[in-house]
Amino acid sequence: MSALEATITSAGDIRQGFKDVFSQLASGVCIVTFRRGGQLHGFTATSVTSVSLQPPRVLFCVAQNSQSYACLGVGMSVGISVLSAGQRALSDRFASKLAPGSYDDVATIEGAGQAPLIAGALGQLSTAIVDLIPSGDHAIVLCDVTSAHAGGGAPLLYHARNYHTLHQSS
């Protein structure tokens, strides 16, 4: 048995190694938002991916044991906002489990299908959920894009369990 095989044979070691590997993958930071009982709700996500151009489709992943997952359903309007470097506090806020009404002061704009979008984000997608696919302890949520807007500026990035921004080239 090689040294590598010896380090990844137990389930606990594999889980920790898995988390460590993916902490090295730099990702843009997004907030997925929707209305829950008429109030803004959502969560921070780094697992947002384009799926296809025809039709325009994206996916995000969400924990099946989360309050957010319990609220999601096919046909629902969902906003996906790509955060700018100056929106770290919003990322932290939406990454926390907060009570309904805790986001009432967050500046949003209404996208297509009444999808709530974070104001000032670098990019904003209004989407409609077309499928929820359980996979392990998470679910893959497929969404068709109903409107898209790209702004400008520096993105908020997440790498090695910390936030980062791009350095401006000279």
C-alpha atoms as a PDB file:
ATOM      1  CA  MET A   1       0.000   0.000   0.000  1.00  0.00           C
ATOM      2  CA  SER A   2       1.384   3.396  -0.963  1.00  0.00           C
ATOM      3  CA  ALA A   3       1.632   6.284   1.507  1.00  0.00           C
ATOM      4  CA  LEU A   4      -1.210   8.055  -0.326  1.00  0.00           C
ATOM      5  CA  GLU A   5      -3.512   5.023  -0.113  1.00  0.00           C
ATOM      6  CA  ALA A   6      -2.742   4.715   3.598  1.00  0.00           C
ATOM      7  CA  THR A   7      -3.849   8.307   4.237  1.00  0.00           C
ATOM      8  CA  ILE A   8      -7.246   8.088   2.548  1.00  0.00           C
ATOM      9  CA  THR A   9      -8.704   4.737   3.529  1.00  0.00           C
ATOM     10  CA  SER A  10     -11.044   5.730   6.374  1.00  0.00           C
ATOM     11  CA  ALA A  11     -14.318   7.539   5.672  1.00  0.00           C
ATOM     12  CA  GLY A  12     -13.321  10.382   8.012  1.00  0.00           C
ATOM     13  CA  ASP A  13      -9.997  10.843   6.247  1.00  0.00           C
ATOM     14  CA  ILE A  14     -11.685  10.821   2.837  1.00  0.00           C
ATOM     15  CA  ARG A  15     -14.239  13.442   3.924  1.00  0.00           C
ATOM     16  CA  GLN A  16     -11.525  15.691   5.360  1.00  0.00           C
ATOM     17  CA  GLY A  17      -9.328  15.197   2.295  1.00  0.00           C
ATOM     18  CA  PHE A  18     -12.302  15.973   0.045  1.00  0.00           C
ATOM     19  CA  LYS A  19     -12.970  19.228   1.921  1.00  0.00           C
ATOM     20  CA  ASP A  20      -9.269  20.137   1.846  1.00  0.00           C
ATOM     21  CA  VAL A  21      -9.009  19.547  -1.908  1.00  0.00           C
ATOM     22  CA  PHE A  22     -12.076  21.644  -2.702  1.00  0.00           C
ATOM     23  CA  SER A  23     -10.900  24.434  -0.398  1.00  0.00           C
ATOM     24  CA  GLN A  24      -8.130  24.885  -2.961  1.00  0.00           C
ATOM     25  CA  LEU A  25     -10.594  25.540  -5.778  1.00  0.00           C
ATOM     26  CA  ALA A  26     -11.045  29.306  -6.074  1.00  0.00           C
ATOM     27  CA  SER A  27     -14.697  30.197  -6.661  1.00  0.00           C
ATOM     28  CA  GLY A  28     -16.787  33.250  -7.246  1.00  0.00           C
ATOM     29  CA  VAL A  29     -19.255  33.962  -4.470  1.00  0.00           C
ATOM     30  CA  CYS A  30     -22.984  34.139  -5.215  1.00  0.00           C
ATOM     31  CA  ILE A  31     -26.134  34.651  -3.217  1.00  0.00           C
ATOM     32  CA  VAL A  32     -29.187  32.620  -4.200  1.00  0.00           C
ATOM     33  CA  THR A  33     -32.360  34.476  -3.214  1.00  0.00           C
ATOM     34  CA  PHE A  34     -36.097  33.837  -3.242  1.00  0.00           C
ATOM     35  CA  ARG A  35     -39.231  34.897  -1.431  1.00  0.00           C
ATOM     36  CA  ARG A  36     -40.404  32.833   1.531  1.00  0.00           C
ATOM     37  CA  GLY A  37     -43.734  33.899   2.974  1.00  0.00           C
ATOM     38  CA  GLY A  38     -43.315  37.204   1.158  1.00  0.00           C
ATOM     39  CA  GLN A  39     -39.943  37.864   2.800  1.00  0.00           C
ATOM     40  CA  LEU A  40     -36.465  37.751   1.302  1.00  0.00           C
ATOM     41  CA  HIS A  41     -34.598  34.530   2.035  1.00  0.00           C
ATOM     42  CA  GLY A  42     -31.500  32.929   0.584  1.00  0.00           C
ATOM     43  CA  PHE A  43     -28.034  31.560   1.070  1.00  0.00           C
ATOM     44  CA  THR A  44     -24.435  32.035  -0.014  1.00  0.00           C
ATOM     45  CA  ALA A  45     -23.239  29.624  -2.694  1.00  0.00           C
ATOM     46  CA  THR A  46     -19.926  28.937  -4.367  1.00  0.00           C
ATOM     47  CA  SER A  47     -21.362  25.992  -6.288  1.00  0.00           C
ATOM     48  CA  VAL A  48     -23.071  27.913  -9.111  1.00  0.00           C
ATOM     49  CA  THR A  49     -22.291  26.634 -12.604  1.00  0.00           C
ATOM     50  CA  SER A  50     -23.458  27.296 -16.136  1.00  0.00           C
ATOM     51  CA  VAL A  51     -24.990  24.163 -17.640  1.00  0.00           C
ATOM     52  CA  SER A  52     -26.085  25.032 -21.174  1.00  0.00           C
ATOM     53  CA  LEU A  53     -26.563  27.921 -23.561  1.00  0.00           C
ATOM     54  CA  GLN A  54     -29.630  26.464 -25.295  1.00  0.00           C
ATOM     55  CA  PRO A  55     -31.668  26.750 -23.205  1.00  0.00           C
ATOM     56  CA  PRO A  56     -29.730  29.110 -20.921  1.00  0.00           C
ATOM     57  CA  ARG A  57     -29.467  26.953 -17.802  1.00  0.00           C
ATOM     58  CA  VAL A  58     -27.490  27.063 -14.554  1.00  0.00           C
ATOM     59  CA  LEU A  59     -27.238  24.923 -11.460  1.00  0.00           C
ATOM     60  CA  PHE A  60     -26.495  25.425  -7.819  1.00  0.00           C
ATOM     61  CA  CYS A  61     -26.246  22.965  -4.967  1.00  0.00           C
ATOM     62  CA  VAL A  62     -28.007  23.181  -1.614  1.00  0.00           C
ATOM     63  CA  ALA A  63     -27.961  20.993   1.500  1.00  0.00           C
ATOM     64  CA  GLN A  64     -31.079  18.837   1.723  1.00  0.00           C
ATOM     65  CA  ASN A  65     -31.317  19.410   5.486  1.00  0.00           C
ATOM     66  CA  SER A  66     -31.422  23.212   5.080  1.00  0.00           C
ATOM     67  CA  GLN A  67     -34.409  25.511   5.506  1.00  0.00           C
ATOM     68  CA  SER A  68     -33.702  26.812   1.996  1.00  0.00           C
ATOM     69  CA  TYR A  69     -34.054  23.395   0.381  1.00  0.00           C
ATOM     70  CA  ALA A  70     -37.399  22.879   2.107  1.00  0.00           C
ATOM     71  CA  CYS A  71     -38.676  26.083   0.437  1.00  0.00           C
ATOM     72  CA  LEU A  72     -37.564  25.322  -3.132  1.00  0.00           C
ATOM     73  CA  GLY A  73     -39.793  23.793  -5.792  1.00  0.00           C
ATOM     74  CA  VAL A  74     -40.113  23.382  -9.552  1.00  0.00           C
ATOM     75  CA  GLY A  75     -41.381  26.558 -11.230  1.00  0.00           C
ATOM     76  CA  MET A  76     -40.221  28.825  -8.405  1.00  0.00           C
ATOM     77  CA  SER A  77     -38.450  32.095  -9.292  1.00  0.00           C
ATOM     78  CA  VAL A  78     -34.952  32.337  -7.850  1.00  0.00           C
ATOM     79  CA  GLY A  79     -32.358  35.103  -8.125  1.00  0.00           C
ATOM     80  CA  ILE A  80     -28.646  34.406  -8.403  1.00  0.00           C
ATOM     81  CA  SER A  81     -26.357  37.372  -7.734  1.00  0.00           C
ATOM     82  CA  VAL A  82     -22.587  37.270  -8.356  1.00  0.00           C
ATOM     83  CA  LEU A  83     -21.034  39.345  -5.571  1.00  0.00           C
ATOM     84  CA  SER A  84     -18.523  42.142  -5.977  1.00  0.00           C
ATOM     85  CA  ALA A  85     -15.410  42.474  -3.827  1.00  0.00           C
ATOM     86  CA  GLY A  86     -17.209  45.028  -1.650  1.00  0.00           C
ATOM     87  CA  GLN A  87     -20.096  42.695  -0.758  1.00  0.00           C
ATOM     88  CA  ARG A  88     -18.323  40.368   1.669  1.00  0.00           C
ATOM     89  CA  ALA A  89     -20.599  41.346   4.560  1.00  0.00           C
ATOM     90  CA  LEU A  90     -23.617  40.189   2.526  1.00  0.00           C
ATOM     91  CA  SER A  91     -21.904  36.878   1.818  1.00  0.00           C
ATOM     92  CA  ASP A  92     -21.298  36.345   5.529  1.00  0.00           C
ATOM     93  CA  ARG A  93     -24.869  37.296   6.375  1.00  0.00           C
ATOM     94  CA  PHE A  94     -26.476  34.935   3.881  1.00  0.00           C
ATOM     95  CA  ALA A  95     -24.080  32.151   4.952  1.00  0.00           C
ATOM     96  CA  SER A  96     -25.592  32.315   8.467  1.00  0.00           C
ATOM     97  CA  LYS A  97     -28.882  30.740   9.474  1.00  0.00           C
ATOM     98  CA  LEU A  98     -31.026  33.760  10.244  1.00  0.00           C
ATOM     99  CA  ALA A  99     -34.671  34.042  11.218  1.00  0.00           C
ATOM    100  CA  PRO A 100     -37.306  35.063   8.658  1.00  0.00           C
ATOM    101  CA  GLY A 101     -37.308  38.836   8.225  1.00  0.00           C
ATOM    102  CA  SER A 102     -33.579  39.141   8.932  1.00  0.00           C
ATOM    103  CA  TYR A 103     -32.882  40.300   5.378  1.00  0.00           C
ATOM    104  CA  ASP A 104     -35.580  43.003   5.180  1.00  0.00           C
ATOM    105  CA  ASP A 105     -32.925  45.761   5.047  1.00  0.00           C
ATOM    106  CA  VAL A 106     -30.935  44.171   2.168  1.00  0.00           C
ATOM    107  CA  ALA A 107     -31.147  46.266  -1.011  1.00  0.00           C
ATOM    108  CA  THR A 108     -32.669  44.218  -3.809  1.00  0.00           C
ATOM    109  CA  ILE A 109     -34.120  44.752  -7.240  1.00  0.00           C
ATOM    110  CA  GLU A 110     -36.871  42.670  -8.768  1.00  0.00           C
ATOM    111  CA  GLY A 111     -35.888  40.531 -11.727  1.00  0.00           C
ATOM    112  CA  ALA A 112     -37.974  38.587 -14.206  1.00  0.00           C
ATOM    113  CA  GLY A 113     -40.647  36.454 -12.547  1.00  0.00           C
ATOM    114  CA  GLN A 114     -40.232  38.585  -9.418  1.00  0.00           C
ATOM    115  CA  ALA A 115     -36.901  36.929  -8.605  1.00  0.00           C
ATOM    116  CA  PRO A 116     -35.184  39.031  -5.920  1.00  0.00           C
ATOM    117  CA  LEU A 117     -31.662  40.111  -6.908  1.00  0.00           C
ATOM    118  CA  ILE A 118     -28.956  41.707  -4.755  1.00  0.00           C
ATOM    119  CA  ALA A 119     -28.502  45.369  -5.736  1.00  0.00           C
ATOM    120  CA  GLY A 120     -24.998  46.292  -6.842  1.00  0.00           C
ATOM    121  CA  ALA A 121     -23.937  42.716  -7.641  1.00  0.00           C
ATOM    122  CA  LEU A 122     -21.522  42.115 -10.534  1.00  0.00           C
ATOM    123  CA  GLY A 123     -23.976  39.845 -12.250  1.00  0.00           C
ATOM    124  CA  GLN A 124     -27.618  38.998 -11.744  1.00  0.00           C
ATOM    125  CA  LEU A 125     -29.620  36.071 -13.086  1.00  0.00           C
ATOM    126  CA  SER A 126     -33.356  35.672 -12.755  1.00  0.00           C
ATOM    127  CA  THR A 127     -34.162  31.984 -12.999  1.00  0.00           C
ATOM    128  CA  ALA A 128     -36.974  29.462 -12.744  1.00  0.00           C
ATOM    129  CA  ILE A 129     -36.328  26.079 -11.121  1.00  0.00           C
ATOM    130  CA  VAL A 130     -36.824  23.204 -13.589  1.00  0.00           C
ATOM    131  CA  ASP A 131     -35.554  20.275 -11.498  1.00  0.00           C
ATOM    132  CA  LEU A 132     -34.239  19.331  -8.059  1.00  0.00           C
ATOM    133  CA  ILE A 133     -32.020  16.264  -8.099  1.00  0.00           C
ATOM    134  CA  PRO A 134     -31.102  14.724  -4.718  1.00  0.00           C
ATOM    135  CA  SER A 135     -27.459  13.666  -4.590  1.00  0.00           C
ATOM    136  CA  GLY A 136     -25.883  12.569  -1.328  1.00  0.00           C
ATOM    137  CA  ASP A 137     -26.581  15.113   1.403  1.00  0.00           C
ATOM    138  CA  HIS A 138     -27.175  17.913  -1.124  1.00  0.00           C
ATOM    139  CA  ALA A 139     -29.442  18.505  -4.094  1.00  0.00           C
ATOM    140  CA  ILE A 140     -28.546  19.817  -7.532  1.00  0.00           C
ATOM    141  CA  VAL A 141     -30.999  22.554  -8.492  1.00  0.00           C
ATOM    142  CA  LEU A 142     -31.341  23.140 -12.246  1.00  0.00           C
ATOM    143  CA  CYS A 143     -32.709  26.528 -13.297  1.00  0.00           C
ATOM    144  CA  ASP A 144     -33.598  28.091 -16.641  1.00  0.00           C
ATOM    145  CA  VAL A 145     -32.392  31.687 -16.942  1.00  0.00           C
ATOM    146  CA  THR A 146     -35.202  34.147 -17.624  1.00  0.00           C
ATOM    147  CA  SER A 147     -33.065  37.319 -17.559  1.00  0.00           C
ATOM    148  CA  ALA A 148     -29.391  38.171 -17.158  1.00  0.00           C
ATOM    149  CA  HIS A 149     -27.514  41.378 -16.387  1.00  0.00           C
ATOM    150  CA  ALA A 150     -23.736  41.781 -16.110  1.00  0.00           C
ATOM    151  CA  GLY A 151     -22.160  44.779 -14.418  1.00  0.00           C
ATOM    152  CA  GLY A 152     -18.513  45.638 -13.956  1.00  0.00           C
ATOM    153  CA  GLY A 153     -15.991  45.585 -11.161  1.00  0.00           C
ATOM    154  CA  ALA A 154     -13.910  43.172  -9.139  1.00  0.00           C
ATOM    155  CA  PRO A 155     -15.415  39.857  -7.962  1.00  0.00           C
ATOM    156  CA  LEU A 156     -15.500  38.460  -4.446  1.00  0.00           C
ATOM    157  CA  LEU A 157     -13.605  35.167  -4.462  1.00  0.00           C
ATOM    158  CA  TYR A 158     -13.399  32.309  -1.977  1.00  0.00           C
ATOM    159  CA  HIS A 159     -10.262  30.166  -1.683  1.00  0.00           C
ATOM    160  CA  ALA A 160      -8.595  28.219   1.133  1.00  0.00           C
ATOM    161  CA  ARG A 161     -11.533  28.986   3.457  1.00  0.00           C
ATOM    162  CA  ASN A 162     -11.000  32.752   3.106  1.00  0.00           C
ATOM    163  CA  TYR A 163     -12.259  35.622   0.972  1.00  0.00           C
ATOM    164  CA  HIS A 164     -10.007  37.155  -1.662  1.00  0.00           C
ATOM    165  CA  THR A 165     -10.148  39.775  -4.385  1.00  0.00           C
ATOM    166  CA  LEU A 166      -8.239  40.160  -7.616  1.00  0.00           C
ATOM    167  CA  HIS A 167      -5.200  42.413  -7.685  1.00  0.00           C
ATOM    168  CA  GLN A 168      -5.512  45.132 -10.300  1.00  0.00           C
ATOM    169  CA  SER A 169      -2.895  44.762 -13.031  1.00  0.00           C
ATOM    170  CA  SER A 170      -0.869  47.831 -13.879  1.00  0.00           C
END
